[in-house]
Amino acid sequence: MTKSKLEYIWLDGYKPIQSLRSKTKIVKNFSGKLEDCPMWSFDGSSTEQAPGNSSDCLLKPVALFPDPARKNGWLVMTEVLNADGTPHESNGRATIDDDDNDFWFGFEQEYFLWDTDINKPYGFPENGFPAPQGPYYCSVGYGKAFGREMVEEHLDLCIEAGLNIEGINAEVATGQWEFQIFAKGAKAAGDQIWIARYLLERVGENYGIAINWHCKPVQGDWNGSGMHANFSNAYLREAGSQEAYTEVLEAFRPVVAEHIAVYGPDNHLRLTGNHETQSIDKFSYGVSDRGASIRIPIATVENGWKGYLEDRRPNSAADPYKVAGRIVKTVKTALVPA
């Protein structure tokens, strides 16, 4: 008889930023298949998801990955359901209209390693500031790349867990890093980002380093943190004309507020029109334009207008489920026959 450790992972009901929660279930002779992960429950009154006099919430397994840091371990991403089996209001995954996995997403997740002793990014001096940003992006060397050992360990864990992580790099500010995840299917992309975030948080426990997901944790002339959303569907991948892309892009213009509402809190601090951003109250797009709301990659143009787009507005603390769900909805409105 073999006993496996199934780590059930979910998002709590805190606002404006949901946090990861998890607990372990021991299962005998587990098959390693998602369909054999049992439904489970938790006390929603302790996570802002239920009142104390009716506290049971359900955990529905939706994605399964081997846990590279535990013997006989598995990571189980779950959706939160109400006791009657309906999606909980905090369940962003359930709002995604992409059951056929037509949409592909690549998220660029930026974050800061955070020194809780001085409440500053890892690598900042206790008093004052480091040298201005410039030498830190994709940097190599002592005094420029801070926390590489932890970041490399996270990368290895993501690969061993079977996540489709496509790369990492040091970012523009001191102590700021990025990883990229790609998946075919909007829900799958969200699953993988949340599991990667979970693994990063767990690695940080070993190093005594926190992860700061806030989009602008350091005020002043420092880049904020984004979660750029690269997306396509069959239509964009095969469009073949600038006019087709313009039609999709223009569908985003009248729903700026709806997108900003789910693109992460405090985004006004980041989307200022500076530091490779467009202002939060404006909408623009352009080829290779990193100061636009949505960038049209040059590769898409050179491929005969067949490819993908990059929405640069989502921030690092945004829920990838909600970001993907809103993008899917907007793109689909552009494709409805007149």
Protein backbone atom coordinates (compact mmCIF):
# COMPACT_ATOMS: atom_id res chain seq x y z
CA MET A 1 0.00 0.00 0.00
CA THR A 2 1.30 3.45 -0.96
CA LYS A 3 0.20 6.66 0.66
CA SER A 4 0.28 9.84 -1.43
CA LYS A 5 0.19 13.45 -0.29
CA LEU A 6 -2.33 15.47 -2.30
CA GLU A 7 -1.92 19.20 -1.74
CA TYR A 8 -5.28 20.83 -2.49
CA ILE A 9 -4.71 24.44 -3.58
CA TRP A 10 -7.38 27.12 -3.88
CA LEU A 11 -7.92 30.88 -3.89
CA ASP A 12 -9.48 32.53 -0.87
CA GLY A 13 -12.09 35.28 -0.83
CA TYR A 14 -9.94 38.21 0.28
CA LYS A 15 -10.24 41.48 -1.64
CA PRO A 16 -8.80 43.15 -3.60
CA ILE A 17 -6.18 40.40 -3.89
CA GLN A 18 -6.99 36.74 -3.41
CA SER A 19 -4.35 34.66 -1.66
CA LEU A 20 -3.35 31.06 -2.14
CA ARG A 21 -4.49 28.51 0.44
CA SER A 22 -3.68 24.82 0.63
CA LYS A 23 -3.98 21.74 2.77
CA THR A 24 -2.84 18.13 2.48
CA LYS A 25 -5.00 15.06 1.97
CA ILE A 26 -3.48 11.59 2.39
CA VAL A 27 -4.81 9.13 -0.20
CA LYS A 28 -4.04 5.40 -0.34
CA ASN A 29 -2.89 3.85 -3.63
CA PHE A 30 -3.51 7.03 -5.61
CA SER A 31 -3.59 6.42 -9.38
CA GLY A 32 -2.03 9.74 -10.36
CA LYS A 33 -5.12 10.68 -12.39
CA LEU A 34 -7.18 13.83 -11.94
CA GLU A 35 -10.45 11.93 -12.04
CA ASP A 36 -9.36 9.99 -8.95
CA CYS A 37 -8.83 13.13 -6.86
CA PRO A 38 -11.84 13.23 -4.53
CA MET A 39 -13.90 16.32 -3.88
CA TRP A 40 -12.96 17.88 -0.56
CA SER A 41 -14.15 20.74 1.65
CA PHE A 42 -12.81 23.48 3.90
CA ASP A 43 -13.92 26.07 6.42
CA GLY A 44 -14.90 29.05 4.31
CA SER A 45 -15.48 31.20 7.38
CA SER A 46 -11.69 31.32 7.84
CA THR A 47 -11.02 32.46 4.25
CA GLU A 48 -13.68 35.16 3.73
CA GLN A 49 -15.79 32.72 1.69
CA ALA A 50 -18.62 31.73 4.03
CA PRO A 51 -20.30 32.75 7.30
CA GLY A 52 -19.54 30.83 10.45
CA ASN A 53 -23.02 29.35 10.75
CA SER A 54 -22.81 27.84 7.24
CA SER A 55 -19.11 27.50 6.64
CA ASP A 56 -18.60 24.51 4.33
CA CYS A 57 -17.15 25.23 0.91
CA LEU A 58 -16.20 22.55 -1.61
CA LEU A 59 -12.94 21.99 -3.46
CA LYS A 60 -13.35 20.64 -6.99
CA PRO A 61 -10.07 19.30 -8.46
CA VAL A 62 -9.43 20.77 -11.93
CA ALA A 63 -5.71 20.22 -12.60
CA LEU A 64 -3.08 17.83 -11.27
CA PHE A 65 0.71 18.07 -11.22
CA PRO A 66 3.44 16.02 -9.50
CA ASP A 67 4.85 17.79 -6.46
CA PRO A 68 8.63 17.86 -7.00
CA ALA A 69 9.39 18.90 -3.43
CA ARG A 70 7.57 16.06 -1.63
CA LYS A 71 7.90 12.32 -1.66
CA ASN A 72 4.76 10.77 -3.19
CA GLY A 73 3.34 14.27 -3.53
CA TRP A 74 0.85 15.85 -5.92
CA LEU A 75 -0.34 19.41 -6.45
CA VAL A 76 -4.11 19.63 -6.96
CA MET A 77 -5.44 22.92 -8.30
CA THR A 78 -9.08 23.32 -7.36
CA GLU A 79 -12.10 25.52 -7.92
CA VAL A 80 -14.10 26.70 -4.91
CA LEU A 81 -17.78 25.73 -4.99
CA ASN A 82 -20.65 26.56 -2.68
CA ALA A 83 -22.10 23.74 -0.62
CA ASP A 84 -24.76 23.19 -3.30
CA GLY A 85 -22.10 22.64 -5.98
CA THR A 86 -22.46 26.00 -7.74
CA PRO A 87 -19.36 28.13 -8.36
CA HIS A 88 -18.45 30.40 -5.46
CA GLU A 89 -18.43 34.13 -6.26
CA SER A 90 -14.65 34.14 -5.77
CA ASN A 91 -14.22 31.46 -8.45
CA GLY A 92 -12.80 33.29 -11.47
CA ARG A 93 -12.00 30.09 -13.32
CA ALA A 94 -15.68 29.22 -13.66
CA THR A 95 -16.30 32.44 -15.60
CA ILE A 96 -14.01 31.52 -18.54
CA ASP A 97 -15.88 30.66 -21.74
CA ASP A 98 -13.25 28.48 -23.40
CA ASP A 99 -14.27 24.86 -22.96
CA ASP A 100 -12.86 23.94 -26.38
CA ASN A 101 -9.40 25.40 -25.53
CA ASP A 102 -9.50 27.57 -28.64
CA PHE A 103 -7.68 30.34 -26.79
CA TRP A 104 -3.96 30.09 -26.05
CA PHE A 105 -2.35 32.26 -23.40
CA GLY A 106 1.20 33.11 -22.49
CA PHE A 107 1.52 35.07 -19.24
CA GLU A 108 4.65 37.03 -18.31
CA GLN A 109 4.57 37.03 -14.51
CA GLU A 110 6.70 39.71 -12.88
CA TYR A 111 7.27 39.91 -9.11
CA PHE A 112 9.61 41.27 -6.47
CA LEU A 113 11.63 39.21 -4.04
CA TRP A 114 11.00 40.98 -0.74
CA ASP A 115 13.20 41.44 2.33
CA THR A 116 10.71 41.55 5.19
CA ASP A 117 13.38 42.66 7.70
CA ILE A 118 13.70 46.06 6.03
CA ASN A 119 10.41 45.98 4.07
CA LYS A 120 12.17 46.59 0.77
CA PRO A 121 13.01 44.58 -2.34
CA TYR A 122 15.69 41.97 -1.87
CA GLY A 123 19.00 43.66 -2.73
CA PHE A 124 18.00 47.13 -1.58
CA PRO A 125 20.27 48.60 1.13
CA GLU A 126 18.71 49.04 4.55
CA ASN A 127 19.12 52.81 4.25
CA GLY A 128 18.57 54.61 0.98
CA PHE A 129 18.35 53.14 -2.50
CA PRO A 130 20.54 51.14 -4.84
CA ALA A 131 21.86 52.58 -8.10
CA PRO A 132 19.08 53.64 -10.50
CA GLN A 133 17.49 50.99 -12.67
CA GLY A 134 19.28 50.16 -15.87
CA PRO A 135 21.89 47.49 -15.07
CA TYR A 136 19.46 45.00 -13.51
CA TYR A 137 17.38 43.86 -16.50
CA CYS A 138 18.59 40.41 -17.63
CA SER A 139 21.63 41.09 -15.48
CA VAL A 140 24.52 38.85 -14.54
CA GLY A 141 26.87 39.35 -11.64
CA TYR A 142 27.17 40.19 -7.97
CA GLY A 143 25.55 43.47 -7.06
CA LYS A 144 23.14 43.33 -10.02
CA ALA A 145 21.29 40.00 -9.92
CA PHE A 146 19.80 39.42 -6.47
CA GLY A 147 18.19 36.14 -5.41
CA ARG A 148 19.25 34.04 -8.39
CA GLU A 149 19.68 30.86 -6.32
CA MET A 150 16.05 30.99 -5.21
CA VAL A 151 14.79 31.84 -8.70
CA GLU A 152 16.74 28.95 -10.23
CA GLU A 153 15.32 26.54 -7.67
CA HIS A 154 11.82 27.73 -8.52
CA LEU A 155 12.50 27.18 -12.21
CA ASP A 156 13.63 23.60 -11.58
CA LEU A 157 10.55 22.87 -9.49
CA CYS A 158 8.24 24.21 -12.19
CA ILE A 159 9.90 22.02 -14.81
CA GLU A 160 9.77 18.95 -12.56
CA ALA A 161 6.10 19.62 -11.85
CA GLY A 162 5.37 19.49 -15.56
CA LEU A 163 4.46 23.15 -15.95
CA ASN A 164 5.01 24.65 -19.38
CA ILE A 165 7.37 27.33 -18.09
CA GLU A 166 9.10 28.96 -21.03
CA GLY A 167 11.76 31.09 -19.37
CA ILE A 168 12.91 33.39 -16.59
CA ASN A 169 14.84 36.65 -16.44
CA ALA A 170 15.88 39.34 -14.02
CA GLU A 171 13.68 42.40 -14.50
CA VAL A 172 14.28 46.14 -14.66
CA ALA A 173 14.30 46.93 -10.93
CA THR A 174 16.53 45.59 -8.17
CA GLY A 175 15.15 42.32 -6.80
CA GLN A 176 12.55 42.06 -9.55
CA TRP A 177 12.19 38.88 -11.64
CA GLU A 178 9.89 37.32 -14.21
CA PHE A 179 8.81 33.88 -15.37
CA GLN A 180 6.72 33.00 -18.41
CA ILE A 181 4.04 30.31 -18.69
CA PHE A 182 2.26 29.20 -21.87
CA ALA A 183 -0.72 26.89 -22.24
CA LYS A 184 -3.27 25.94 -24.86
CA GLY A 185 -6.55 26.74 -23.14
CA ALA A 186 -7.39 29.80 -21.03
CA LYS A 187 -8.23 27.71 -17.98
CA ALA A 188 -5.05 25.65 -18.28
CA ALA A 189 -2.95 28.82 -18.47
CA GLY A 190 -4.54 30.12 -15.28
CA ASP A 191 -4.02 26.78 -13.55
CA GLN A 192 -0.33 26.79 -14.39
CA ILE A 193 0.27 30.39 -13.32
CA TRP A 194 -1.34 29.73 -9.94
CA ILE A 195 0.66 26.54 -9.41
CA ALA A 196 3.86 28.39 -10.36
CA ARG A 197 2.97 31.16 -7.91
CA TYR A 198 2.32 28.55 -5.25
CA LEU A 199 5.71 26.91 -5.81
CA LEU A 200 7.45 30.30 -5.66
CA GLU A 201 5.78 31.15 -2.37
CA ARG A 202 6.84 27.79 -0.99
CA VAL A 203 10.45 28.20 -2.09
CA GLY A 204 10.48 31.59 -0.40
CA GLU A 205 9.66 29.90 2.91
CA ASN A 206 13.01 28.09 2.71
CA TYR A 207 15.00 31.25 1.96
CA GLY A 208 13.24 33.60 4.34
CA ILE A 209 12.24 35.75 1.37
CA ALA A 210 8.67 36.86 0.72
CA ILE A 211 7.11 37.40 -2.70
CA ASN A 212 5.60 40.82 -3.32
CA TRP A 213 2.99 40.64 -6.07
CA HIS A 214 1.94 44.30 -5.79
CA CYS A 215 2.18 46.16 -9.09
CA LYS A 216 4.10 49.13 -7.68
CA PRO A 217 5.69 48.24 -4.33
CA VAL A 218 8.42 50.86 -4.69
CA GLN A 219 7.35 54.38 -5.58
CA GLY A 220 9.51 56.64 -7.69
CA ASP A 221 11.47 56.00 -10.85
CA TRP A 222 11.20 52.21 -10.71
CA ASN A 223 9.27 49.98 -13.06
CA GLY A 224 6.15 48.38 -11.69
CA SER A 225 5.31 44.70 -12.06
CA GLY A 226 3.01 43.42 -14.77
CA MET A 227 1.55 40.14 -15.95
CA HIS A 228 1.44 40.77 -19.69
CA ALA A 229 -1.12 38.53 -21.36
CA ASN A 230 -0.16 37.17 -24.77
CA PHE A 231 -3.22 35.63 -26.37
CA SER A 232 -4.58 34.13 -29.57
CA ASN A 233 -7.41 32.01 -30.84
CA ALA A 234 -7.86 30.17 -34.13
CA TYR A 235 -9.15 33.36 -35.75
CA LEU A 236 -6.05 35.40 -34.83
CA ARG A 237 -3.70 32.54 -35.61
CA GLU A 238 -5.09 32.28 -39.15
CA ALA A 239 -6.50 35.80 -39.80
CA GLY A 240 -4.09 36.81 -42.54
CA SER A 241 -4.92 40.52 -42.69
CA GLN A 242 -4.35 43.73 -40.77
CA GLU A 243 -8.06 44.51 -41.09
CA ALA A 244 -8.98 41.35 -39.17
CA TYR A 245 -6.64 42.32 -36.36
CA THR A 246 -7.94 45.86 -36.26
CA GLU A 247 -11.48 44.53 -35.90
CA VAL A 248 -10.47 42.52 -32.84
CA LEU A 249 -8.41 45.33 -31.34
CA GLU A 250 -11.19 47.87 -31.71
CA ALA A 251 -13.49 45.57 -29.71
CA PHE A 252 -11.31 46.39 -26.68
CA ARG A 253 -11.76 50.14 -26.95
CA PRO A 254 -15.30 50.50 -25.50
CA VAL A 255 -14.64 48.10 -22.61
CA VAL A 256 -11.50 49.61 -21.09
CA ALA A 257 -13.16 49.95 -17.67
CA GLU A 258 -14.32 46.33 -17.68
CA HIS A 259 -10.78 45.14 -18.37
CA ILE A 260 -9.11 47.42 -15.85
CA ALA A 261 -11.58 46.17 -13.21
CA VAL A 262 -10.04 42.68 -13.36
CA TYR A 263 -6.46 43.61 -14.29
CA GLY A 264 -5.28 43.93 -10.71
CA PRO A 265 -5.64 46.48 -7.89
CA ASP A 266 -3.78 49.80 -7.74
CA ASN A 267 -3.04 49.66 -11.45
CA HIS A 268 -3.25 53.46 -11.60
CA LEU A 269 0.11 53.49 -9.82
CA ARG A 270 1.65 51.46 -12.64
CA LEU A 271 -0.28 52.50 -15.77
CA THR A 272 0.91 56.09 -15.83
CA GLY A 273 2.10 56.44 -19.41
CA ASN A 274 5.69 56.05 -18.20
CA HIS A 275 7.92 53.01 -17.74
CA GLU A 276 6.66 51.25 -20.88
CA THR A 277 2.96 51.66 -20.08
CA GLN A 278 -0.05 53.43 -21.52
CA SER A 279 -2.14 55.59 -19.17
CA ILE A 280 -4.86 53.67 -17.37
CA ASP A 281 -7.66 55.78 -18.87
CA LYS A 282 -6.48 55.52 -22.47
CA PHE A 283 -6.50 52.74 -25.04
CA SER A 284 -3.99 52.30 -27.83
CA TYR A 285 -2.33 49.62 -29.89
CA GLY A 286 0.63 49.47 -32.22
CA VAL A 287 3.23 47.24 -33.80
CA SER A 288 6.15 46.64 -31.41
CA ASP A 289 4.82 49.43 -29.16
CA ARG A 290 5.56 48.63 -25.53
CA GLY A 291 3.96 51.89 -24.51
CA ALA A 292 0.61 50.82 -25.93
CA SER A 293 -2.26 49.13 -24.14
CA ILE A 294 -1.97 46.20 -26.56
CA ARG A 295 1.22 45.47 -28.49
CA ILE A 296 1.08 43.84 -31.90
CA PRO A 297 4.22 41.67 -32.03
CA ILE A 298 6.38 42.17 -35.09
CA ALA A 299 6.40 38.38 -35.51
CA THR A 300 2.64 38.47 -36.07
CA VAL A 301 3.02 41.06 -38.81
CA GLU A 302 5.95 39.31 -40.47
CA ASN A 303 3.94 36.08 -40.44
CA GLY A 304 1.30 37.67 -42.63
CA TRP A 305 -0.89 38.87 -39.76
CA LYS A 306 -1.17 35.40 -38.29
CA GLY A 307 -0.23 35.09 -34.64
CA TYR A 308 -1.10 36.68 -31.32
CA LEU A 309 -1.51 39.93 -29.38
CA GLU A 310 -0.08 41.14 -26.08
CA ASP A 311 -2.27 43.00 -23.60
CA ARG A 312 0.25 44.85 -21.45
CA ARG A 313 -2.23 46.20 -18.90
CA PRO A 314 -2.75 43.27 -16.47
CA ASN A 315 -0.59 43.70 -13.39
CA SER A 316 1.39 41.23 -11.37
CA ALA A 317 -1.29 40.70 -8.70
CA ALA A 318 -4.15 40.09 -11.15
CA ASP A 319 -5.99 36.78 -11.21
CA PRO A 320 -5.02 35.11 -14.51
CA TYR A 321 -8.41 33.39 -14.61
CA LYS A 322 -10.25 36.72 -14.56
CA VAL A 323 -7.82 38.31 -17.02
CA ALA A 324 -8.20 35.44 -19.47
CA GLY A 325 -11.97 35.32 -19.02
CA ARG A 326 -12.35 39.01 -19.85
CA ILE A 327 -10.05 38.82 -22.89
CA VAL A 328 -11.92 35.79 -24.23
CA LYS A 329 -15.23 37.60 -23.83
CA THR A 330 -14.02 40.72 -25.64
CA VAL A 331 -12.44 38.84 -28.54
CA LYS A 332 -15.59 36.80 -29.00
CA THR A 333 -17.70 39.95 -29.27
CA ALA A 334 -15.58 41.01 -32.26
CA LEU A 335 -16.28 37.71 -34.00
CA VAL A 336 -20.09 37.77 -33.73
CA PRO A 337 -21.58 38.18 -37.22
CA ALA A 338 -23.22 41.56 -37.80
